Amino acid sequence: MADKPYRPATLLVHQGRDRDPATGASTVPIYQASTYHHAGGASAQYDYARSGNPSREQVEEAIALLEGGVRGFAYASGMAAIGSALSLLKSGDHLVASAALYGGSWRFITGVLPQQGITVSLVDTTDTRAVETAITPQTRALFLETPSNPLFQVTDLRAMVAIARQKNLITLLDNTFMTPLMQRPLDLGIDISIHSATKFLGGHSDILAGLVATADTGLGKRLKYFQNAFGAVLSPFDSFLLSRGIKTLKVRLEAAQATAQQLAERLASHPAVARVWFPGLADFPGRALHFSQASGAGAVLSFELQEDAQVARLLNAVELPIIAPSLGGVETILTHCWSMSHAAIPIEDKLRQGISKKLLRISVGLEDIEDLWEDLERGLS
């Protein structure tokens, strides 16, 4: 599969391995084994499940193939993927990261990395001059997120790659919102693409998983070393569920994106809504840049209500959306960013980023648009 130029829909369905080589089964079995027999005492391809498992390798090959990389890695959660990718840094190093990050990423980068002797500068990565100014002789990497969660700030990935190559920095991008179907950062020169596969790739709100892909063989070896040493790997059963979820990504994401477009347009004209953030809107500030590096707007949008009191009324009135700090499922998920997805960020930093108590994020699912709109409109009214 990897050597043939198949289009995305075909790659999603067949991935790297589309059948079991031993039996011809239409899916790779769940190899629920912790260790493997060493015939005659000699190790073979598999020796211990932390180091390698056929079920996990299937999905690791899939993400490398989908991202256009040479190595892929599967982890027990999206944050395990982010933490493992940042293991490329060592004590004394400096990281430049986007100031607009998912709350869990912010917590790890600002709370855990400094304890490991790694200094961090949070900057507006939409401003290339600010990024260049933040770089020091100790800087070793740029950590990016575009479009950012939850206010959809769009970072110019080509500009970031140009800066990184000039300064010999590693570039890491959280590609969860767009997935490899709509944004392929490795093609743009990004070194490492990261996913919370709990979200759109898994797609059914039933697993925790993280994925990393790289097109750099040397970085791949270093990532593999840490994955094996640290051991935060994805289980065989969750690997099976993730592989199954990836197969339907195209039809799920495209359907959800179409609904998100209609929903964004309707919310933008509703009197209870002050503002909507969604790359598909004609007046979205970063629209041209976003579509120069991505092929779709995605299925997540954010909106701010006119009044604080409307938030509680809406959250109590809606029946269809799950109210939760997640996204990417077949069901619509409504998130109060202040208290859920970005709760880990201090109040002053949230306000500085433009995250208010009136801000809500919607990950659009596969419900009928009219049912979803009637439910939301009742809450807004």
Protein backbone atom coordinates (compact mmCIF):
# COMPACT_ATOMS: atom_id res chain seq x y z
CA MET A 1 0.00 0.00 0.00
CA ALA A 2 2.68 2.50 0.99
CA ASP A 3 4.40 2.35 -2.42
CA LYS A 4 1.28 3.05 -4.48
CA PRO A 5 -0.07 6.58 -5.11
CA TYR A 6 -3.60 5.97 -3.86
CA ARG A 7 -5.88 8.90 -3.08
CA PRO A 8 -6.86 9.79 0.51
CA ALA A 9 -10.20 7.95 0.58
CA THR A 10 -8.51 4.73 -0.47
CA LEU A 11 -5.63 5.15 1.96
CA LEU A 12 -8.04 5.72 4.85
CA VAL A 13 -9.89 2.50 4.13
CA HIS A 14 -6.98 0.20 3.31
CA GLN A 15 -4.23 1.96 5.33
CA GLY A 16 -0.85 0.19 5.37
CA ARG A 17 -2.19 -3.28 6.10
CA ASP A 18 -5.76 -4.04 5.09
CA ARG A 19 -5.79 -7.75 5.99
CA ASP A 20 -4.09 -10.21 8.28
CA PRO A 21 -1.05 -11.73 6.52
CA ALA A 22 -1.47 -15.01 8.40
CA THR A 23 -5.15 -15.73 7.69
CA GLY A 24 -6.32 -13.18 5.15
CA ALA A 25 -8.83 -11.79 7.65
CA SER A 26 -10.28 -8.43 6.58
CA THR A 27 -8.85 -6.72 9.66
CA VAL A 28 -5.60 -7.17 11.53
CA PRO A 29 -6.47 -9.19 14.66
CA ILE A 30 -6.24 -7.83 18.18
CA TYR A 31 -2.97 -9.32 19.37
CA GLN A 32 -3.77 -9.25 23.07
CA ALA A 33 -0.35 -10.50 24.13
CA SER A 34 2.12 -8.98 26.55
CA THR A 35 5.12 -11.01 25.41
CA TYR A 36 6.27 -13.31 22.61
CA HIS A 37 8.02 -16.66 22.39
CA HIS A 38 11.78 -16.49 21.79
CA ALA A 39 12.43 -19.69 19.85
CA GLY A 40 15.72 -21.16 20.98
CA GLY A 41 16.25 -18.09 23.14
CA ALA A 42 16.73 -15.81 20.13
CA SER A 43 14.66 -12.63 19.81
CA ALA A 44 12.67 -12.06 16.63
CA GLN A 45 10.60 -9.16 15.28
CA TYR A 46 8.48 -9.04 18.45
CA ASP A 47 9.79 -9.61 21.95
CA TYR A 48 7.69 -7.57 24.39
CA ALA A 49 4.45 -5.68 23.76
CA ARG A 50 5.79 -2.31 24.94
CA SER A 51 8.43 -2.52 22.22
CA GLY A 52 6.14 -3.70 19.45
CA ASN A 53 2.72 -5.20 18.79
CA PRO A 54 1.19 -6.07 15.39
CA SER A 55 -2.11 -4.33 16.21
CA ARG A 56 -0.32 -1.13 17.23
CA GLU A 57 2.10 -1.28 14.34
CA GLN A 58 -0.80 -1.43 11.90
CA VAL A 59 -2.13 1.93 13.07
CA GLU A 60 1.38 3.39 13.36
CA GLU A 61 2.02 2.50 9.73
CA ALA A 62 -1.35 4.03 8.85
CA ILE A 63 -0.61 7.45 10.34
CA ALA A 64 2.82 7.56 8.69
CA LEU A 65 1.20 6.72 5.35
CA LEU A 66 -1.63 9.24 5.76
CA GLU A 67 0.74 12.04 6.78
CA GLY A 68 3.30 11.24 4.10
CA GLY A 69 5.92 10.34 6.71
CA VAL A 70 8.39 7.51 7.23
CA ARG A 71 7.57 6.60 10.86
CA GLY A 72 4.44 6.67 12.97
CA PHE A 73 3.92 6.13 16.69
CA ALA A 74 0.79 5.37 18.72
CA TYR A 75 0.40 6.42 22.35
CA ALA A 76 -2.08 5.97 25.17
CA SER A 77 -3.49 9.51 24.82
CA GLY A 78 -3.05 12.73 22.90
CA MET A 79 -1.10 14.24 25.77
CA ALA A 80 1.15 11.17 25.87
CA ALA A 81 1.85 11.85 22.19
CA ILE A 82 2.66 15.51 22.85
CA GLY A 83 4.84 14.72 25.87
CA SER A 84 6.68 11.99 23.99
CA ALA A 85 7.30 14.23 20.99
CA LEU A 86 8.69 16.91 23.28
CA SER A 87 11.05 14.31 24.76
CA LEU A 88 13.31 15.34 21.90
CA LEU A 89 14.23 18.30 24.12
CA LYS A 90 16.65 18.04 27.04
CA SER A 91 17.54 20.06 30.10
CA GLY A 92 18.96 23.44 29.12
CA ASP A 93 16.98 23.64 25.90
CA HIS A 94 14.50 26.40 25.09
CA LEU A 95 11.14 25.94 23.38
CA VAL A 96 9.13 28.58 21.53
CA ALA A 97 5.45 27.67 21.58
CA SER A 98 2.21 29.25 20.52
CA ALA A 99 0.49 31.25 23.25
CA ALA A 100 -2.83 29.98 21.89
CA LEU A 101 -2.90 26.32 22.83
CA TYR A 102 -5.27 23.61 23.99
CA GLY A 103 -5.39 23.73 27.79
CA GLY A 104 -3.72 20.35 28.28
CA SER A 105 -0.82 21.34 26.02
CA TRP A 106 -0.48 24.65 27.87
CA ARG A 107 -0.37 22.82 31.21
CA PHE A 108 2.35 20.41 30.05
CA ILE A 109 4.49 23.02 28.32
CA THR A 110 4.32 25.60 31.12
CA GLY A 111 4.15 23.25 34.11
CA VAL A 112 6.07 20.09 33.30
CA LEU A 113 8.82 21.16 30.91
CA PRO A 114 10.28 23.79 33.29
CA GLN A 115 10.60 21.08 35.95
CA GLN A 116 12.77 19.20 33.46
CA GLY A 117 15.05 22.20 32.98
CA ILE A 118 13.48 23.27 29.67
CA THR A 119 12.58 26.95 29.38
CA VAL A 120 9.57 28.05 27.35
CA SER A 121 8.49 31.23 25.62
CA LEU A 122 4.83 31.56 24.63
CA VAL A 123 4.36 33.88 21.67
CA ASP A 124 1.82 34.83 19.05
CA THR A 125 2.92 32.51 16.25
CA THR A 126 0.76 34.39 13.74
CA ASP A 127 3.43 37.12 14.07
CA THR A 128 6.61 35.84 12.44
CA ARG A 129 8.64 38.72 13.87
CA ALA A 130 7.54 37.80 17.40
CA VAL A 131 8.66 34.22 16.78
CA GLU A 132 12.05 35.33 15.46
CA THR A 133 12.53 37.67 18.44
CA ALA A 134 11.77 34.88 20.93
CA ILE A 135 14.46 32.56 19.54
CA THR A 136 17.64 32.34 21.61
CA PRO A 137 20.89 30.37 21.15
CA GLN A 138 19.33 27.69 23.37
CA THR A 139 16.13 27.37 21.34
CA ARG A 140 15.75 23.90 19.85
CA ALA A 141 12.12 23.67 18.72
CA LEU A 142 8.88 25.41 17.74
CA PHE A 143 5.59 23.97 19.00
CA LEU A 144 2.62 25.06 16.90
CA GLU A 145 -1.14 24.64 16.71
CA THR A 146 -3.11 25.81 13.69
CA PRO A 147 -5.90 26.61 13.56
CA SER A 148 -5.61 27.21 17.28
CA ASN A 149 -8.05 25.90 19.83
CA PRO A 150 -10.52 27.55 20.42
CA LEU A 151 -10.15 30.89 18.58
CA PHE A 152 -8.84 29.58 15.26
CA GLN A 153 -5.74 31.71 14.99
CA VAL A 154 -3.97 30.65 11.81
CA THR A 155 -0.18 30.29 11.81
CA ASP A 156 1.70 30.41 8.52
CA LEU A 157 3.35 26.98 8.50
CA ARG A 158 5.62 27.73 5.55
CA ALA A 159 6.93 30.83 7.34
CA MET A 160 7.54 28.82 10.51
CA VAL A 161 9.41 26.15 8.55
CA ALA A 162 11.59 28.82 6.92
CA ILE A 163 12.50 30.28 10.33
CA ALA A 164 13.15 26.85 11.80
CA ARG A 165 15.43 25.77 9.00
CA GLN A 166 17.42 28.98 9.24
CA LYS A 167 17.88 28.46 12.99
CA ASN A 168 18.17 24.64 12.87
CA LEU A 169 15.03 24.07 14.97
CA ILE A 170 12.62 21.13 15.13
CA THR A 171 9.03 22.02 14.22
CA LEU A 172 6.13 20.25 15.92
CA LEU A 173 2.47 20.78 15.03
CA ASP A 174 -0.72 19.68 16.74
CA ASN A 175 -2.80 18.66 13.71
CA THR A 176 -5.83 17.36 15.66
CA PHE A 177 -8.41 19.84 14.31
CA MET A 178 -7.62 19.26 10.64
CA THR A 179 -6.44 15.62 10.55
CA PRO A 180 -4.23 14.36 7.67
CA LEU A 181 -7.30 14.44 5.45
CA MET A 182 -7.43 18.23 5.40
CA GLN A 183 -3.93 19.36 6.41
CA ARG A 184 -0.63 17.57 5.71
CA PRO A 185 2.02 19.54 7.60
CA LEU A 186 4.89 17.20 6.72
CA ASP A 187 4.36 18.12 3.07
CA LEU A 188 4.88 21.76 4.09
CA GLY A 189 8.17 20.94 5.84
CA ILE A 190 6.98 20.47 9.43
CA ASP A 191 9.13 17.85 11.16
CA ILE A 192 6.57 16.23 13.47
CA SER A 193 2.79 16.06 13.19
CA ILE A 194 0.85 15.20 16.36
CA HIS A 195 -2.76 14.08 16.85
CA SER A 196 -5.08 13.48 19.70
CA ALA A 197 -6.53 10.45 17.94
CA THR A 198 -9.20 10.40 20.63
CA LYS A 199 -10.86 13.02 18.45
CA PHE A 200 -11.63 12.81 14.70
CA LEU A 201 -9.35 9.90 13.86
CA GLY A 202 -11.00 7.62 16.41
CA GLY A 203 -14.25 9.44 15.82
CA HIS A 204 -16.61 7.67 18.21
CA SER A 205 -15.75 9.02 21.67
CA ASP A 206 -14.77 5.55 22.85
CA ILE A 207 -10.96 5.59 23.07
CA LEU A 208 -8.02 7.60 24.34
CA ALA A 209 -5.21 7.65 21.80
CA GLY A 210 -2.39 9.79 20.45
CA LEU A 211 -0.44 9.61 17.21
CA VAL A 212 2.81 11.11 15.98
CA ALA A 213 4.26 11.03 12.46
CA THR A 214 7.56 12.24 11.05
CA ALA A 215 9.24 12.28 7.66
CA ASP A 216 12.70 12.48 9.23
CA THR A 217 14.37 9.09 9.73
CA GLY A 218 16.69 10.41 12.45
CA LEU A 219 13.84 11.92 14.45
CA GLY A 220 11.93 8.68 13.96
CA LYS A 221 14.72 6.70 15.63
CA ARG A 222 14.80 9.09 18.58
CA LEU A 223 11.02 8.99 18.97
CA LYS A 224 11.05 5.20 18.85
CA TYR A 225 13.72 5.05 21.54
CA PHE A 226 11.69 7.19 23.90
CA GLN A 227 8.42 5.39 23.13
CA ASN A 228 10.02 2.08 24.06
CA ALA A 229 11.81 3.52 27.10
CA PHE A 230 8.83 5.42 28.49
CA GLY A 231 6.14 2.92 27.55
CA ALA A 232 3.03 5.12 27.14
CA VAL A 233 1.90 2.99 24.21
CA LEU A 234 -1.56 2.39 22.77
CA SER A 235 -3.17 -0.91 23.76
CA PRO A 236 -3.95 -3.58 21.13
CA PHE A 237 -7.71 -3.23 21.52
CA ASP A 238 -7.63 0.56 21.28
CA SER A 239 -5.34 0.21 18.24
CA PHE A 240 -8.03 -1.91 16.61
CA LEU A 241 -10.74 0.65 17.42
CA LEU A 242 -8.57 3.49 16.12
CA SER A 243 -7.82 1.69 12.87
CA ARG A 244 -11.54 1.06 12.40
CA GLY A 245 -12.34 4.72 13.12
CA ILE A 246 -9.78 5.95 10.59
CA LYS A 247 -11.49 3.95 7.83
CA THR A 248 -14.58 6.17 7.97
CA LEU A 249 -12.79 9.50 8.55
CA LYS A 250 -13.50 10.92 5.11
CA VAL A 251 -17.26 10.38 5.10
CA ARG A 252 -17.58 11.45 8.75
CA LEU A 253 -15.47 14.57 8.54
CA GLU A 254 -16.86 15.80 5.24
CA ALA A 255 -20.44 15.34 6.44
CA ALA A 256 -19.71 17.08 9.75
CA GLN A 257 -17.89 19.88 7.95
CA ALA A 258 -20.90 20.56 5.72
CA THR A 259 -23.13 20.84 8.78
CA ALA A 260 -20.57 23.02 10.56
CA GLN A 261 -20.62 25.45 7.64
CA GLN A 262 -24.39 25.85 7.84
CA LEU A 263 -24.31 26.08 11.61
CA ALA A 264 -21.62 28.77 11.59
CA GLU A 265 -23.57 30.86 9.12
CA ARG A 266 -26.79 30.57 11.13
CA LEU A 267 -25.07 31.36 14.41
CA ALA A 268 -23.35 34.38 12.88
CA SER A 269 -26.74 35.93 12.10
CA HIS A 270 -28.41 35.05 15.42
CA PRO A 271 -29.06 38.04 17.71
CA ALA A 272 -27.89 36.15 20.82
CA VAL A 273 -24.44 35.53 19.29
CA ALA A 274 -21.77 38.22 19.36
CA ARG A 275 -19.18 36.49 17.16
CA VAL A 276 -18.39 33.22 15.41
CA TRP A 277 -14.95 31.76 14.66
CA PHE A 278 -14.86 29.31 11.74
CA PRO A 279 -12.45 29.23 8.76
CA GLY A 280 -15.32 28.53 6.36
CA LEU A 281 -16.97 31.92 6.94
CA ALA A 282 -16.36 34.45 4.17
CA ASP A 283 -15.24 37.14 6.65
CA PHE A 284 -12.97 34.89 8.72
CA PRO A 285 -9.72 36.90 9.16
CA GLY A 286 -7.30 34.04 8.45
CA ARG A 287 -9.34 32.40 5.70
CA ALA A 288 -6.91 32.90 2.79
CA LEU A 289 -3.89 31.70 4.77
CA HIS A 290 -5.78 28.75 6.20
CA PHE A 291 -6.90 27.51 2.79
CA SER A 292 -3.40 27.96 1.40
CA GLN A 293 -2.23 25.17 3.71
CA ALA A 294 -5.42 23.18 4.38
CA SER A 295 -8.10 21.78 2.09
CA GLY A 296 -11.11 22.30 4.36
CA ALA A 297 -12.53 24.34 7.20
CA GLY A 298 -13.04 21.37 9.50
CA ALA A 299 -15.97 20.52 11.73
CA VAL A 300 -15.24 22.62 14.82
CA LEU A 301 -16.37 26.18 15.41
CA SER A 302 -16.49 28.58 18.33
CA PHE A 303 -18.94 31.33 19.17
CA GLU A 304 -19.31 33.97 21.85
CA LEU A 305 -22.68 34.88 23.33
CA GLN A 306 -23.79 38.43 23.95
CA GLU A 307 -24.29 37.97 27.71
CA ASP A 308 -22.77 35.81 30.44
CA ALA A 309 -26.18 34.68 31.68
CA GLN A 310 -26.96 33.12 28.30
CA VAL A 311 -24.29 30.45 28.81
CA ALA A 312 -26.04 28.65 31.65
CA ARG A 313 -29.39 28.91 29.89
CA LEU A 314 -27.96 27.33 26.74
CA LEU A 315 -26.13 24.54 28.55
CA ASN A 316 -29.26 23.67 30.51
CA ALA A 317 -31.58 23.82 27.50
CA VAL A 318 -29.81 21.77 24.83
CA GLU A 319 -30.61 18.07 24.56
CA LEU A 320 -28.69 16.75 21.56
CA PRO A 321 -25.08 17.88 22.12
CA ILE A 322 -22.97 16.18 24.73
CA ILE A 323 -21.61 18.89 27.02
CA ALA A 324 -18.02 17.82 27.46
CA PRO A 325 -14.35 18.85 27.04
CA SER A 326 -13.71 16.92 23.84
CA LEU A 327 -14.37 16.97 20.11
CA GLY A 328 -14.35 14.87 16.97
CA GLY A 329 -17.08 12.35 17.76
CA VAL A 330 -20.06 11.27 15.69
CA GLU A 331 -22.20 13.15 18.20
CA THR A 332 -22.10 16.92 18.48
CA ILE A 333 -20.08 18.04 21.50
CA LEU A 334 -20.60 21.44 23.11
CA THR A 335 -17.75 22.77 25.25
CA HIS A 336 -17.60 25.71 27.63
CA CYS A 337 -13.96 26.56 26.98
CA TRP A 338 -13.45 28.65 30.13
CA SER A 339 -14.35 25.83 32.52
CA MET A 340 -13.59 22.74 30.43
CA SER A 341 -11.05 22.53 27.62
CA HIS A 342 -9.01 25.52 28.86
CA ALA A 343 -9.65 25.25 32.59
CA ALA A 344 -5.94 24.63 33.24
CA ILE A 345 -4.99 28.06 31.91
CA PRO A 346 -4.90 30.87 34.52
CA ILE A 347 -7.62 33.50 34.25
CA GLU A 348 -5.28 36.29 33.19
CA ASP A 349 -3.84 34.17 30.39
CA LYS A 350 -7.29 33.14 29.17
CA LEU A 351 -8.37 36.77 29.05
CA ARG A 352 -5.15 37.72 27.28
CA GLN A 353 -5.87 35.09 24.63
CA GLY A 354 -9.44 36.34 24.20
CA ILE A 355 -11.11 33.37 25.91
CA SER A 356 -14.08 34.72 27.82
CA LYS A 357 -16.74 33.08 29.97
CA LYS A 358 -19.17 33.63 27.09
CA LEU A 359 -17.14 31.50 24.68
CA LEU A 360 -18.42 28.10 23.56
CA ARG A 361 -16.97 25.56 21.14
CA ILE A 362 -18.98 23.14 19.06
CA SER A 363 -17.58 20.00 17.50
CA VAL A 364 -20.26 19.17 14.97
CA GLY A 365 -21.38 15.57 14.70
CA LEU A 366 -23.52 13.63 12.24
CA GLU A 367 -26.99 14.66 13.41
CA ASP A 368 -29.47 16.19 11.00
CA ILE A 369 -28.72 19.90 10.71
CA GLU A 370 -32.34 20.91 11.31
CA ASP A 371 -32.64 18.87 14.50
CA LEU A 372 -29.37 20.27 15.75
CA TRP A 373 -30.28 23.84 14.86
CA GLU A 374 -33.72 23.62 16.46
CA ASP A 375 -32.11 22.36 19.66
CA LEU A 376 -29.47 25.10 19.74
CA GLU A 377 -31.89 27.84 18.75
CA ARG A 378 -34.23 26.88 21.57
CA GLY A 379 -31.31 27.25 23.98
CA LEU A 380 -30.25 30.55 22.47
CA SER A 381 -33.77 31.94 22.67
